[in-house]
Amino acid sequence: ERIDGWFAYAMHADTYRFRKYTMKRLQ
């Protein structure tokens, strides 16, 4: 829930790779 809010913000930029890497690291 907490990370989804930040991802919704980050999606305004070219952050696909960073978001994918972040989720993999967290999981």
mmCIF file of all heavy atoms, coordinates in Angstrom:
data_MODEL
# 
_entry.id   MODEL 
# 
loop_
_atom_site.group_PDB 
_atom_site.id 
_atom_site.type_symbol 
_atom_site.label_atom_id 
_atom_site.label_alt_id 
_atom_site.label_comp_id 
_atom_site.label_asym_id 
_atom_site.label_entity_id 
_atom_site.label_seq_id 
_atom_site.pdbx_PDB_ins_code 
_atom_site.Cartn_x 
_atom_site.Cartn_y 
_atom_site.Cartn_z 
_atom_site.occupancy 
_atom_site.B_iso_or_equiv 
_atom_site.pdbx_formal_charge 
_atom_site.auth_seq_id 
_atom_site.auth_comp_id 
_atom_site.auth_asym_id 
_atom_site.auth_atom_id 
_atom_site.pdbx_PDB_model_num 
ATOM 1   N N   . GLU A 1 1  ? 0.831  -1.207  0.000   1.00 0.00 ? 1  GLU A N   1 
ATOM 2   C CA  . GLU A 1 1  ? 0.000  0.000   0.000   1.00 0.00 ? 1  GLU A CA  1 
ATOM 3   C C   . GLU A 1 1  ? 0.862  1.252   0.000   1.00 0.00 ? 1  GLU A C   1 
ATOM 4   O O   . GLU A 1 1  ? 0.591  2.218   -0.717  1.00 0.00 ? 1  GLU A O   1 
ATOM 5   C CB  . GLU A 1 1  ? -0.923 0.005   1.222   1.00 0.00 ? 1  GLU A CB  1 
ATOM 6   C CG  . GLU A 1 1  ? -2.111 -0.953  1.101   1.00 0.00 ? 1  GLU A CG  1 
ATOM 7   C CD  . GLU A 1 1  ? -2.941 -0.982  2.367   1.00 0.00 ? 1  GLU A CD  1 
ATOM 8   O OE1 . GLU A 1 1  ? -2.663 -0.169  3.284   1.00 0.00 ? 1  GLU A OE1 1 
ATOM 9   O OE2 . GLU A 1 1  ? -3.858 -1.816  2.448   1.00 0.00 ? 1  GLU A OE2 1 
ATOM 10  N N   . ARG A 1 2  ? 1.908  1.229   0.810   1.00 0.00 ? 2  ARG A N   1 
ATOM 11  C CA  . ARG A 1 2  ? 2.787  2.401   0.918   1.00 0.00 ? 2  ARG A CA  1 
ATOM 12  C C   . ARG A 1 2  ? 3.622  2.604   -0.351  1.00 0.00 ? 2  ARG A C   1 
ATOM 13  O O   . ARG A 1 2  ? 3.810  3.734   -0.803  1.00 0.00 ? 2  ARG A O   1 
ATOM 14  C CB  . ARG A 1 2  ? 3.708  2.261   2.132   1.00 0.00 ? 2  ARG A CB  1 
ATOM 15  C CG  . ARG A 1 2  ? 2.957  2.216   3.456   1.00 0.00 ? 2  ARG A CG  1 
ATOM 16  C CD  . ARG A 1 2  ? 3.913  2.225   4.640   1.00 0.00 ? 2  ARG A CD  1 
ATOM 17  N NE  . ARG A 1 2  ? 3.232  1.940   5.884   1.00 0.00 ? 2  ARG A NE  1 
ATOM 18  C CZ  . ARG A 1 2  ? 3.803  2.006   7.087   1.00 0.00 ? 2  ARG A CZ  1 
ATOM 19  N NH1 . ARG A 1 2  ? 5.081  2.360   7.188   1.00 0.00 ? 2  ARG A NH1 1 
ATOM 20  N NH2 . ARG A 1 2  ? 3.137  1.724   8.186   1.00 0.00 ? 2  ARG A NH2 1 
ATOM 21  N N   . ILE A 1 3  ? 4.098  1.503   -0.911  1.00 0.00 ? 3  ILE A N   1 
ATOM 22  C CA  . ILE A 1 3  ? 4.963  1.637   -2.076  1.00 0.00 ? 3  ILE A CA  1 
ATOM 23  C C   . ILE A 1 3  ? 4.164  1.957   -3.332  1.00 0.00 ? 3  ILE A C   1 
ATOM 24  O O   . ILE A 1 3  ? 4.661  2.606   -4.248  1.00 0.00 ? 3  ILE A O   1 
ATOM 25  C CB  . ILE A 1 3  ? 5.821  0.357   -2.262  1.00 0.00 ? 3  ILE A CB  1 
ATOM 26  C CG1 . ILE A 1 3  ? 7.098  0.707   -3.027  1.00 0.00 ? 3  ILE A CG1 1 
ATOM 27  C CG2 . ILE A 1 3  ? 5.056  -0.751  -2.965  1.00 0.00 ? 3  ILE A CG2 1 
ATOM 28  C CD1 . ILE A 1 3  ? 8.123  -0.409  -3.039  1.00 0.00 ? 3  ILE A CD1 1 
ATOM 29  N N   . ASP A 1 4  ? 2.903  1.530   -3.374  1.00 0.00 ? 4  ASP A N   1 
ATOM 30  C CA  . ASP A 1 4  ? 2.054  1.815   -4.542  1.00 0.00 ? 4  ASP A CA  1 
ATOM 31  C C   . ASP A 1 4  ? 1.846  3.309   -4.728  1.00 0.00 ? 4  ASP A C   1 
ATOM 32  O O   . ASP A 1 4  ? 1.817  3.807   -5.854  1.00 0.00 ? 4  ASP A O   1 
ATOM 33  C CB  . ASP A 1 4  ? 0.701  1.106   -4.410  1.00 0.00 ? 4  ASP A CB  1 
ATOM 34  C CG  . ASP A 1 4  ? 0.788  -0.387  -4.720  1.00 0.00 ? 4  ASP A CG  1 
ATOM 35  O OD1 . ASP A 1 4  ? 1.845  -0.817  -5.221  1.00 0.00 ? 4  ASP A OD1 1 
ATOM 36  O OD2 . ASP A 1 4  ? -0.188 -1.108  -4.439  1.00 0.00 ? 4  ASP A OD2 1 
ATOM 37  N N   . GLY A 1 5  ? 1.682  4.022   -3.615  1.00 0.00 ? 5  GLY A N   1 
ATOM 38  C CA  . GLY A 1 5  ? 1.501  5.470   -3.700  1.00 0.00 ? 5  GLY A CA  1 
ATOM 39  C C   . GLY A 1 5  ? 2.722  6.153   -4.285  1.00 0.00 ? 5  GLY A C   1 
ATOM 40  O O   . GLY A 1 5  ? 2.602  7.068   -5.109  1.00 0.00 ? 5  GLY A O   1 
ATOM 41  N N   . TRP A 1 6  ? 3.900  5.707   -3.866  1.00 0.00 ? 6  TRP A N   1 
ATOM 42  C CA  . TRP A 1 6  ? 5.126  6.304   -4.402  1.00 0.00 ? 6  TRP A CA  1 
ATOM 43  C C   . TRP A 1 6  ? 5.303  5.939   -5.871  1.00 0.00 ? 6  TRP A C   1 
ATOM 44  O O   . TRP A 1 6  ? 5.711  6.775   -6.670  1.00 0.00 ? 6  TRP A O   1 
ATOM 45  C CB  . TRP A 1 6  ? 6.337  5.830   -3.599  1.00 0.00 ? 6  TRP A CB  1 
ATOM 46  C CG  . TRP A 1 6  ? 7.584  6.582   -3.977  1.00 0.00 ? 6  TRP A CG  1 
ATOM 47  C CD1 . TRP A 1 6  ? 8.003  7.776   -3.457  1.00 0.00 ? 6  TRP A CD1 1 
ATOM 48  C CD2 . TRP A 1 6  ? 8.544  6.220   -4.971  1.00 0.00 ? 6  TRP A CD2 1 
ATOM 49  N NE1 . TRP A 1 6  ? 9.170  8.178   -4.062  1.00 0.00 ? 6  TRP A NE1 1 
ATOM 50  C CE2 . TRP A 1 6  ? 9.523  7.246   -4.999  1.00 0.00 ? 6  TRP A CE2 1 
ATOM 51  C CE3 . TRP A 1 6  ? 8.669  5.145   -5.837  1.00 0.00 ? 6  TRP A CE3 1 
ATOM 52  C CZ2 . TRP A 1 6  ? 10.623 7.209   -5.843  1.00 0.00 ? 6  TRP A CZ2 1 
ATOM 53  C CZ3 . TRP A 1 6  ? 9.769  5.113   -6.693  1.00 0.00 ? 6  TRP A CZ3 1 
ATOM 54  C CH2 . TRP A 1 6  ? 10.725 6.135   -6.694  1.00 0.00 ? 6  TRP A CH2 1 
ATOM 55  N N   . PHE A 1 7  ? 4.963  4.688   -6.240  1.00 0.00 ? 7  PHE A N   1 
ATOM 56  C CA  . PHE A 1 7  ? 5.069  4.273   -7.636  1.00 0.00 ? 7  PHE A CA  1 
ATOM 57  C C   . PHE A 1 7  ? 4.134  5.090   -8.532  1.00 0.00 ? 7  PHE A C   1 
ATOM 58  O O   . PHE A 1 7  ? 4.479  5.426   -9.662  1.00 0.00 ? 7  PHE A O   1 
ATOM 59  C CB  . PHE A 1 7  ? 4.742  2.785   -7.779  1.00 0.00 ? 7  PHE A CB  1 
ATOM 60  C CG  . PHE A 1 7  ? 5.917  1.881   -7.512  1.00 0.00 ? 7  PHE A CG  1 
ATOM 61  C CD1 . PHE A 1 7  ? 7.130  2.394   -7.054  1.00 0.00 ? 7  PHE A CD1 1 
ATOM 62  C CD2 . PHE A 1 7  ? 5.830  0.521   -7.706  1.00 0.00 ? 7  PHE A CD2 1 
ATOM 63  C CE1 . PHE A 1 7  ? 8.220  1.569   -6.806  1.00 0.00 ? 7  PHE A CE1 1 
ATOM 64  C CE2 . PHE A 1 7  ? 6.905  -0.317  -7.462  1.00 0.00 ? 7  PHE A CE2 1 
ATOM 65  C CZ  . PHE A 1 7  ? 8.099  0.210   -7.010  1.00 0.00 ? 7  PHE A CZ  1 
ATOM 66  N N   . ALA A 1 8  ? 2.948  5.422   -8.018  1.00 0.00 ? 8  ALA A N   1 
ATOM 67  C CA  . ALA A 1 8  ? 2.010  6.237   -8.798  1.00 0.00 ? 8  ALA A CA  1 
ATOM 68  C C   . ALA A 1 8  ? 2.617  7.603   -9.098  1.00 0.00 ? 8  ALA A C   1 
ATOM 69  O O   . ALA A 1 8  ? 2.401  8.175   -10.173 1.00 0.00 ? 8  ALA A O   1 
ATOM 70  C CB  . ALA A 1 8  ? 0.694  6.392   -8.036  1.00 0.00 ? 8  ALA A CB  1 
ATOM 71  N N   . TYR A 1 9  ? 3.379  8.124   -8.146  1.00 0.00 ? 9  TYR A N   1 
ATOM 72  C CA  . TYR A 1 9  ? 4.088  9.390   -8.344  1.00 0.00 ? 9  TYR A CA  1 
ATOM 73  C C   . TYR A 1 9  ? 5.251  9.216   -9.320  1.00 0.00 ? 9  TYR A C   1 
ATOM 74  O O   . TYR A 1 9  ? 5.418  9.985   -10.265 1.00 0.00 ? 9  TYR A O   1 
ATOM 75  C CB  . TYR A 1 9  ? 4.592  9.893   -6.986  1.00 0.00 ? 9  TYR A CB  1 
ATOM 76  C CG  . TYR A 1 9  ? 5.638  10.979  -7.039  1.00 0.00 ? 9  TYR A CG  1 
ATOM 77  C CD1 . TYR A 1 9  ? 5.273  12.304  -7.281  1.00 0.00 ? 9  TYR A CD1 1 
ATOM 78  C CD2 . TYR A 1 9  ? 6.983  10.683  -6.827  1.00 0.00 ? 9  TYR A CD2 1 
ATOM 79  C CE1 . TYR A 1 9  ? 6.238  13.305  -7.321  1.00 0.00 ? 9  TYR A CE1 1 
ATOM 80  C CE2 . TYR A 1 9  ? 7.943  11.675  -6.860  1.00 0.00 ? 9  TYR A CE2 1 
ATOM 81  C CZ  . TYR A 1 9  ? 7.562  12.980  -7.103  1.00 0.00 ? 9  TYR A CZ  1 
ATOM 82  O OH  . TYR A 1 9  ? 8.514  13.965  -7.145  1.00 0.00 ? 9  TYR A OH  1 
ATOM 83  N N   . ALA A 1 10 ? 6.049  8.166   -9.116  1.00 0.00 ? 10 ALA A N   1 
ATOM 84  C CA  . ALA A 1 10 ? 7.241  7.946   -9.934  1.00 0.00 ? 10 ALA A CA  1 
ATOM 85  C C   . ALA A 1 10 ? 6.910  7.640   -11.387 1.00 0.00 ? 10 ALA A C   1 
ATOM 86  O O   . ALA A 1 10 ? 7.733  7.859   -12.275 1.00 0.00 ? 10 ALA A O   1 
ATOM 87  C CB  . ALA A 1 10 ? 8.073  6.810   -9.342  1.00 0.00 ? 10 ALA A CB  1 
ATOM 88  N N   . MET A 1 11 ? 5.706  7.145   -11.652 1.00 0.00 ? 11 MET A N   1 
ATOM 89  C CA  . MET A 1 11 ? 5.314  6.795   -13.020 1.00 0.00 ? 11 MET A CA  1 
ATOM 90  C C   . MET A 1 11 ? 5.243  8.004   -13.941 1.00 0.00 ? 11 MET A C   1 
ATOM 91  O O   . MET A 1 11 ? 5.204  7.857   -15.160 1.00 0.00 ? 11 MET A O   1 
ATOM 92  C CB  . MET A 1 11 ? 3.965  6.063   -13.017 1.00 0.00 ? 11 MET A CB  1 
ATOM 93  C CG  . MET A 1 11 ? 4.054  4.625   -12.540 1.00 0.00 ? 11 MET A CG  1 
ATOM 94  S SD  . MET A 1 11 ? 2.425  3.825   -12.414 1.00 0.00 ? 11 MET A SD  1 
ATOM 95  C CE  . MET A 1 11 ? 1.955  3.760   -14.144 1.00 0.00 ? 11 MET A CE  1 
ATOM 96  N N   . HIS A 1 12 ? 5.246  9.217   -13.357 1.00 0.00 ? 12 HIS A N   1 
ATOM 97  C CA  . HIS A 1 12 ? 5.244  10.428  -14.192 1.00 0.00 ? 12 HIS A CA  1 
ATOM 98  C C   . HIS A 1 12 ? 6.582  10.618  -14.903 1.00 0.00 ? 12 HIS A C   1 
ATOM 99  O O   . HIS A 1 12 ? 6.681  11.425  -15.820 1.00 0.00 ? 12 HIS A O   1 
ATOM 100 C CB  . HIS A 1 12 ? 4.938  11.665  -13.341 1.00 0.00 ? 12 HIS A CB  1 
ATOM 101 C CG  . HIS A 1 12 ? 3.569  11.642  -12.741 1.00 0.00 ? 12 HIS A CG  1 
ATOM 102 N ND1 . HIS A 1 12 ? 2.436  11.438  -13.494 1.00 0.00 ? 12 HIS A ND1 1 
ATOM 103 C CD2 . HIS A 1 12 ? 3.142  11.802  -11.465 1.00 0.00 ? 12 HIS A CD2 1 
ATOM 104 C CE1 . HIS A 1 12 ? 1.373  11.467  -12.701 1.00 0.00 ? 12 HIS A CE1 1 
ATOM 105 N NE2 . HIS A 1 12 ? 1.774  11.690  -11.465 1.00 0.00 ? 12 HIS A NE2 1 
ATOM 106 N N   . ALA A 1 13 ? 7.591  9.876   -14.462 1.00 0.00 ? 13 ALA A N   1 
ATOM 107 C CA  . ALA A 1 13 ? 8.918  9.962   -15.086 1.00 0.00 ? 13 ALA A CA  1 
ATOM 108 C C   . ALA A 1 13 ? 9.244  8.636   -15.762 1.00 0.00 ? 13 ALA A C   1 
ATOM 109 O O   . ALA A 1 13 ? 8.507  7.653   -15.640 1.00 0.00 ? 13 ALA A O   1 
ATOM 110 C CB  . ALA A 1 13 ? 9.969  10.294  -14.034 1.00 0.00 ? 13 ALA A CB  1 
ATOM 111 N N   . ASP A 1 14 ? 10.372 8.618   -16.464 1.00 0.00 ? 14 ASP A N   1 
ATOM 112 C CA  . ASP A 1 14 ? 10.830 7.397   -17.121 1.00 0.00 ? 14 ASP A CA  1 
ATOM 113 C C   . ASP A 1 14 ? 11.526 6.516   -16.082 1.00 0.00 ? 14 ASP A C   1 
ATOM 114 O O   . ASP A 1 14 ? 12.760 6.518   -15.968 1.00 0.00 ? 14 ASP A O   1 
ATOM 115 C CB  . ASP A 1 14 ? 11.774 7.753   -18.271 1.00 0.00 ? 14 ASP A CB  1 
ATOM 116 C CG  . ASP A 1 14 ? 11.058 8.548   -19.358 1.00 0.00 ? 14 ASP A CG  1 
ATOM 117 O OD1 . ASP A 1 14 ? 10.845 9.756   -19.146 1.00 0.00 ? 14 ASP A OD1 1 
ATOM 118 O OD2 . ASP A 1 14 ? 10.715 7.961   -20.380 1.00 0.00 ? 14 ASP A OD2 1 
ATOM 119 N N   . THR A 1 15 ? 10.726 5.764   -15.334 1.00 0.00 ? 15 THR A N   1 
ATOM 120 C CA  . THR A 1 15 ? 11.247 5.018   -14.181 1.00 0.00 ? 15 THR A CA  1 
ATOM 121 C C   . THR A 1 15 ? 10.909 3.532   -14.234 1.00 0.00 ? 15 THR A C   1 
ATOM 122 O O   . THR A 1 15 ? 10.970 2.859   -13.209 1.00 0.00 ? 15 THR A O   1 
ATOM 123 C CB  . THR A 1 15 ? 10.674 5.604   -12.874 1.00 0.00 ? 15 THR A CB  1 
ATOM 124 O OG1 . THR A 1 15 ? 9.237  5.563   -12.939 1.00 0.00 ? 15 THR A OG1 1 
ATOM 125 C CG2 . THR A 1 15 ? 11.139 7.030   -12.659 1.00 0.00 ? 15 THR A CG2 1 
ATOM 126 N N   . TYR A 1 16 ? 10.531 3.022   -15.396 1.00 0.00 ? 16 TYR A N   1 
ATOM 127 C CA  . TYR A 1 16 ? 10.096 1.624   -15.470 1.00 0.00 ? 16 TYR A CA  1 
ATOM 128 C C   . TYR A 1 16 ? 11.163 0.682   -14.923 1.00 0.00 ? 16 TYR A C   1 
ATOM 129 O O   . TYR A 1 16 ? 10.891 -0.180  -14.085 1.00 0.00 ? 16 TYR A O   1 
ATOM 130 C CB  . TYR A 1 16 ? 9.747  1.240   -16.913 1.00 0.00 ? 16 TYR A CB  1 
ATOM 131 C CG  . TYR A 1 16 ? 9.424  -0.228  -17.079 1.00 0.00 ? 16 TYR A CG  1 
ATOM 132 C CD1 . TYR A 1 16 ? 8.192  -0.734  -16.664 1.00 0.00 ? 16 TYR A CD1 1 
ATOM 133 C CD2 . TYR A 1 16 ? 10.367 -1.113  -17.607 1.00 0.00 ? 16 TYR A CD2 1 
ATOM 134 C CE1 . TYR A 1 16 ? 7.902  -2.087  -16.788 1.00 0.00 ? 16 TYR A CE1 1 
ATOM 135 C CE2 . TYR A 1 16 ? 10.088 -2.468  -17.727 1.00 0.00 ? 16 TYR A CE2 1 
ATOM 136 C CZ  . TYR A 1 16 ? 8.842  -2.937  -17.324 1.00 0.00 ? 16 TYR A CZ  1 
ATOM 137 O OH  . TYR A 1 16 ? 8.567  -4.275  -17.434 1.00 0.00 ? 16 TYR A OH  1 
ATOM 138 N N   . ARG A 1 17 ? 12.404 0.842   -15.376 1.00 0.00 ? 17 ARG A N   1 
ATOM 139 C CA  . ARG A 1 17 ? 13.477 -0.054  -14.933 1.00 0.00 ? 17 ARG A CA  1 
ATOM 140 C C   . ARG A 1 17 ? 13.746 0.082   -13.434 1.00 0.00 ? 17 ARG A C   1 
ATOM 141 O O   . ARG A 1 17 ? 13.968 -0.911  -12.735 1.00 0.00 ? 17 ARG A O   1 
ATOM 142 C CB  . ARG A 1 17 ? 14.758 0.234   -15.717 1.00 0.00 ? 17 ARG A CB  1 
ATOM 143 C CG  . ARG A 1 17 ? 14.688 -0.177  -17.183 1.00 0.00 ? 17 ARG A CG  1 
ATOM 144 C CD  . ARG A 1 17 ? 16.023 0.082   -17.870 1.00 0.00 ? 17 ARG A CD  1 
ATOM 145 N NE  . ARG A 1 17 ? 15.981 -0.293  -19.279 1.00 0.00 ? 17 ARG A NE  1 
ATOM 146 C CZ  . ARG A 1 17 ? 16.991 -0.146  -20.126 1.00 0.00 ? 17 ARG A CZ  1 
ATOM 147 N NH1 . ARG A 1 17 ? 18.141 0.360   -19.686 1.00 0.00 ? 17 ARG A NH1 1 
ATOM 148 N NH2 . ARG A 1 17 ? 16.877 -0.519  -21.387 1.00 0.00 ? 17 ARG A NH2 1 
ATOM 149 N N   . PHE A 1 18 ? 13.733 1.318   -12.948 1.00 0.00 ? 18 PHE A N   1 
ATOM 150 C CA  . PHE A 1 18 ? 13.989 1.542   -11.526 1.00 0.00 ? 18 PHE A CA  1 
ATOM 151 C C   . PHE A 1 18 ? 12.888 0.909   -10.670 1.00 0.00 ? 18 PHE A C   1 
ATOM 152 O O   . PHE A 1 18 ? 13.166 0.264   -9.658  1.00 0.00 ? 18 PHE A O   1 
ATOM 153 C CB  . PHE A 1 18 ? 14.096 3.036   -11.230 1.00 0.00 ? 18 PHE A CB  1 
ATOM 154 C CG  . PHE A 1 18 ? 14.229 3.352   -9.768  1.00 0.00 ? 18 PHE A CG  1 
ATOM 155 C CD1 . PHE A 1 18 ? 15.396 3.047   -9.074  1.00 0.00 ? 18 PHE A CD1 1 
ATOM 156 C CD2 . PHE A 1 18 ? 13.179 3.943   -9.069  1.00 0.00 ? 18 PHE A CD2 1 
ATOM 157 C CE1 . PHE A 1 18 ? 15.522 3.329   -7.726  1.00 0.00 ? 18 PHE A CE1 1 
ATOM 158 C CE2 . PHE A 1 18 ? 13.295 4.225   -7.728  1.00 0.00 ? 18 PHE A CE2 1 
ATOM 159 C CZ  . PHE A 1 18 ? 14.464 3.918   -7.042  1.00 0.00 ? 18 PHE A CZ  1 
ATOM 160 N N   . ARG A 1 19 ? 11.624 1.092   -11.089 1.00 0.00 ? 19 ARG A N   1 
ATOM 161 C CA  . ARG A 1 19 ? 10.511 0.508   -10.323 1.00 0.00 ? 19 ARG A CA  1 
ATOM 162 C C   . ARG A 1 19 ? 10.573 -1.019  -10.343 1.00 0.00 ? 19 ARG A C   1 
ATOM 163 O O   . ARG A 1 19 ? 10.322 -1.679  -9.324  1.00 0.00 ? 19 ARG A O   1 
ATOM 164 C CB  . ARG A 1 19 ? 9.184  1.004   -10.889 1.00 0.00 ? 19 ARG A CB  1 
ATOM 165 C CG  . ARG A 1 19 ? 8.880  2.457   -10.516 1.00 0.00 ? 19 ARG A CG  1 
ATOM 166 C CD  . ARG A 1 19 ? 7.544  2.929   -11.042 1.00 0.00 ? 19 ARG A CD  1 
ATOM 167 N NE  . ARG A 1 19 ? 7.593  3.256   -12.457 1.00 0.00 ? 19 ARG A NE  1 
ATOM 168 C CZ  . ARG A 1 19 ? 6.866  2.675   -13.389 1.00 0.00 ? 19 ARG A CZ  1 
ATOM 169 N NH1 . ARG A 1 19 ? 6.024  1.695   -13.063 1.00 0.00 ? 19 ARG A NH1 1 
ATOM 170 N NH2 . ARG A 1 19 ? 6.947  3.045   -14.657 1.00 0.00 ? 19 ARG A NH2 1 
ATOM 171 N N   . LYS A 1 20 ? 10.922 -1.587  -11.495 1.00 0.00 ? 20 LYS A N   1 
ATOM 172 C CA  . LYS A 1 20 ? 11.035 -3.045  -11.613 1.00 0.00 ? 20 LYS A CA  1 
ATOM 173 C C   . LYS A 1 20 ? 12.153 -3.576  -10.718 1.00 0.00 ? 20 LYS A C   1 
ATOM 174 O O   . LYS A 1 20 ? 11.982 -4.574  -9.999  1.00 0.00 ? 20 LYS A O   1 
ATOM 175 C CB  . LYS A 1 20 ? 11.299 -3.410  -13.073 1.00 0.00 ? 20 LYS A CB  1 
ATOM 176 C CG  . LYS A 1 20 ? 11.276 -4.905  -13.346 1.00 0.00 ? 20 LYS A CG  1 
ATOM 177 C CD  . LYS A 1 20 ? 11.460 -5.175  -14.845 1.00 0.00 ? 20 LYS A CD  1 
ATOM 178 C CE  . LYS A 1 20 ? 11.447 -6.671  -15.137 1.00 0.00 ? 20 LYS A CE  1 
ATOM 179 N NZ  . LYS A 1 20 ? 11.619 -6.946  -16.585 1.00 0.00 ? 20 LYS A NZ  1 
ATOM 180 N N   . TYR A 1 21 ? 13.297 -2.888  -10.734 1.00 0.00 ? 21 TYR A N   1 
ATOM 181 C CA  . TYR A 1 21 ? 14.431 -3.282  -9.891  1.00 0.00 ? 21 TYR A CA  1 
ATOM 182 C C   . TYR A 1 21 ? 14.075 -3.163  -8.407  1.00 0.00 ? 21 TYR A C   1 
ATOM 183 O O   . TYR A 1 21 ? 14.401 -4.041  -7.599  1.00 0.00 ? 21 TYR A O   1 
ATOM 184 C CB  . TYR A 1 21 ? 15.641 -2.402  -10.218 1.00 0.00 ? 21 TYR A CB  1 
ATOM 185 C CG  . TYR A 1 21 ? 16.738 -2.445  -9.198  1.00 0.00 ? 21 TYR A CG  1 
ATOM 186 C CD1 . TYR A 1 21 ? 17.608 -3.538  -9.118  1.00 0.00 ? 21 TYR A CD1 1 
ATOM 187 C CD2 . TYR A 1 21 ? 16.909 -1.394  -8.292  1.00 0.00 ? 21 TYR A CD2 1 
ATOM 188 C CE1 . TYR A 1 21 ? 18.608 -3.583  -8.167  1.00 0.00 ? 21 TYR A CE1 1 
ATOM 189 C CE2 . TYR A 1 21 ? 17.908 -1.429  -7.341  1.00 0.00 ? 21 TYR A CE2 1 
ATOM 190 C CZ  . TYR A 1 21 ? 18.752 -2.528  -7.273  1.00 0.00 ? 21 TYR A CZ  1 
ATOM 191 O OH  . TYR A 1 21 ? 19.740 -2.565  -6.322  1.00 0.00 ? 21 TYR A OH  1 
ATOM 192 N N   . THR A 1 22 ? 13.383 -2.075  -8.049  1.00 0.00 ? 22 THR A N   1 
ATOM 193 C CA  . THR A 1 22 ? 13.001 -1.839  -6.652  1.00 0.00 ? 22 THR A CA  1 
ATOM 194 C C   . THR A 1 22 ? 12.086 -2.946  -6.143  1.00 0.00 ? 22 THR A C   1 
ATOM 195 O O   . THR A 1 22 ? 12.265 -3.461  -5.027  1.00 0.00 ? 22 THR A O   1 
ATOM 196 C CB  . THR A 1 22 ? 12.307 -0.476  -6.519  1.00 0.00 ? 22 THR A CB  1 
ATOM 197 O OG1 . THR A 1 22 ? 13.210 0.560   -6.913  1.00 0.00 ? 22 THR A OG1 1 
ATOM 198 C CG2 . THR A 1 22 ? 11.862 -0.222  -5.083  1.00 0.00 ? 22 THR A CG2 1 
ATOM 199 N N   . MET A 1 23 ? 11.101 -3.342  -6.950  1.00 0.00 ? 23 MET A N   1 
ATOM 200 C CA  . MET A 1 23 ? 10.173 -4.396  -6.533  1.00 0.00 ? 23 MET A CA  1 
ATOM 201 C C   . MET A 1 23 ? 10.886 -5.733  -6.392  1.00 0.00 ? 23 MET A C   1 
ATOM 202 O O   . MET A 1 23 ? 10.630 -6.491  -5.446  1.00 0.00 ? 23 MET A O   1 
ATOM 203 C CB  . MET A 1 23 ? 9.037  -4.510  -7.543  1.00 0.00 ? 23 MET A CB  1 
ATOM 204 C CG  . MET A 1 23 ? 7.947  -3.471  -7.367  1.00 0.00 ? 23 MET A CG  1 
ATOM 205 S SD  . MET A 1 23 ? 7.235  -3.417  -5.698  1.00 0.00 ? 23 MET A SD  1 
ATOM 206 C CE  . MET A 1 23 ? 6.565  -5.069  -5.554  1.00 0.00 ? 23 MET A CE  1 
ATOM 207 N N   . LYS A 1 24 ? 11.802 -6.029  -7.309  1.00 0.00 ? 24 LYS A N   1 
ATOM 208 C CA  . LYS A 1 24 ? 12.546 -7.285  -7.219  1.00 0.00 ? 24 LYS A CA  1 
ATOM 209 C C   . LYS A 1 24 ? 13.389 -7.341  -5.947  1.00 0.00 ? 24 LYS A C   1 
ATOM 210 O O   . LYS A 1 24 ? 13.453 -8.354  -5.253  1.00 0.00 ? 24 LYS A O   1 
ATOM 211 C CB  . LYS A 1 24 ? 13.452 -7.454  -8.447  1.00 0.00 ? 24 LYS A CB  1 
ATOM 212 C CG  . LYS A 1 24 ? 12.731 -7.959  -9.686  1.00 0.00 ? 24 LYS A CG  1 
ATOM 213 C CD  . LYS A 1 24 ? 13.735 -8.237  -10.804 1.00 0.00 ? 24 LYS A CD  1 
ATOM 214 C CE  . LYS A 1 24 ? 13.040 -8.851  -12.020 1.00 0.00 ? 24 LYS A CE  1 
ATOM 215 N NZ  . LYS A 1 24 ? 14.005 -9.134  -13.114 1.00 0.00 ? 24 LYS A NZ  1 
ATOM 216 N N   . ARG A 1 25 ? 14.024 -6.217  -5.646  1.00 0.00 ? 25 ARG A N   1 
ATOM 217 C CA  . ARG A 1 25 ? 14.863 -6.146  -4.438  1.00 0.00 ? 25 ARG A CA  1 
ATOM 218 C C   . ARG A 1 25 ? 14.015 -6.316  -3.177  1.00 0.00 ? 25 ARG A C   1 
ATOM 219 O O   . ARG A 1 25 ? 14.415 -7.020  -2.234  1.00 0.00 ? 25 ARG A O   1 
ATOM 220 C CB  . ARG A 1 25 ? 15.594 -4.799  -4.421  1.00 0.00 ? 25 ARG A CB  1 
ATOM 221 C CG  . ARG A 1 25 ? 16.605 -4.654  -3.293  1.00 0.00 ? 25 ARG A CG  1 
ATOM 222 C CD  . ARG A 1 25 ? 17.615 -3.570  -3.617  1.00 0.00 ? 25 ARG A CD  1 
ATOM 223 N NE  . ARG A 1 25 ? 17.000 -2.271  -3.779  1.00 0.00 ? 25 ARG A NE  1 
ATOM 224 C CZ  . ARG A 1 25 ? 16.911 -1.367  -2.795  1.00 0.00 ? 25 ARG A CZ  1 
ATOM 225 N NH1 . ARG A 1 25 ? 17.388 -1.638  -1.592  1.00 0.00 ? 25 ARG A NH1 1 
ATOM 226 N NH2 . ARG A 1 25 ? 16.375 -0.196  -3.022  1.00 0.00 ? 25 ARG A NH2 1 
ATOM 227 N N   . LEU A 1 26 ? 12.854 -5.654  -3.160  1.00 0.00 ? 26 LEU A N   1 
ATOM 228 C CA  . LEU A 1 26 ? 11.966 -5.752  -2.005  1.00 0.00 ? 26 LEU A CA  1 
ATOM 229 C C   . LEU A 1 26 ? 11.441 -7.177  -1.835  1.00 0.00 ? 26 LEU A C   1 
ATOM 230 O O   . LEU A 1 26 ? 11.454 -7.725  -0.726  1.00 0.00 ? 26 LEU A O   1 
ATOM 231 C CB  . LEU A 1 26 ? 10.800 -4.776  -2.183  1.00 0.00 ? 26 LEU A CB  1 
ATOM 232 C CG  . LEU A 1 26 ? 9.727  -4.790  -1.102  1.00 0.00 ? 26 LEU A CG  1 
ATOM 233 C CD1 . LEU A 1 26 ? 10.326 -4.423  0.252   1.00 0.00 ? 26 LEU A CD1 1 
ATOM 234 C CD2 . LEU A 1 26 ? 8.597  -3.820  -1.457  1.00 0.00 ? 26 LEU A CD2 1 
ATOM 235 N N   . GLN A 1 27 ? 10.985 -7.786  -2.931  1.00 0.00 ? 27 GLN A N   1 
ATOM 236 C CA  . GLN A 1 27 ? 10.448 -9.149  -2.862  1.00 0.00 ? 27 GLN A CA  1 
ATOM 237 C C   . GLN A 1 27 ? 11.500 -10.156 -2.428  1.00 0.00 ? 27 GLN A C   1 
ATOM 238 O O   . GLN A 1 27 ? 11.218 -11.084 -1.662  1.00 0.00 ? 27 GLN A O   1 
ATOM 239 C CB  . GLN A 1 27 ? 9.856  -9.528  -4.227  1.00 0.00 ? 27 GLN A CB  1 
ATOM 240 C CG  . GLN A 1 27 ? 8.572  -8.780  -4.553  1.00 0.00 ? 27 GLN A CG  1 
ATOM 241 C CD  . GLN A 1 27 ? 8.165  -8.923  -6.004  1.00 0.00 ? 27 GLN A CD  1 
ATOM 242 O OE1 . GLN A 1 27 ? 8.892  -9.465  -6.832  1.00 0.00 ? 27 GLN A OE1 1 
ATOM 243 N NE2 . GLN A 1 27 ? 6.964  -8.423  -6.335  1.00 0.00 ? 27 GLN A NE2 1 
# 
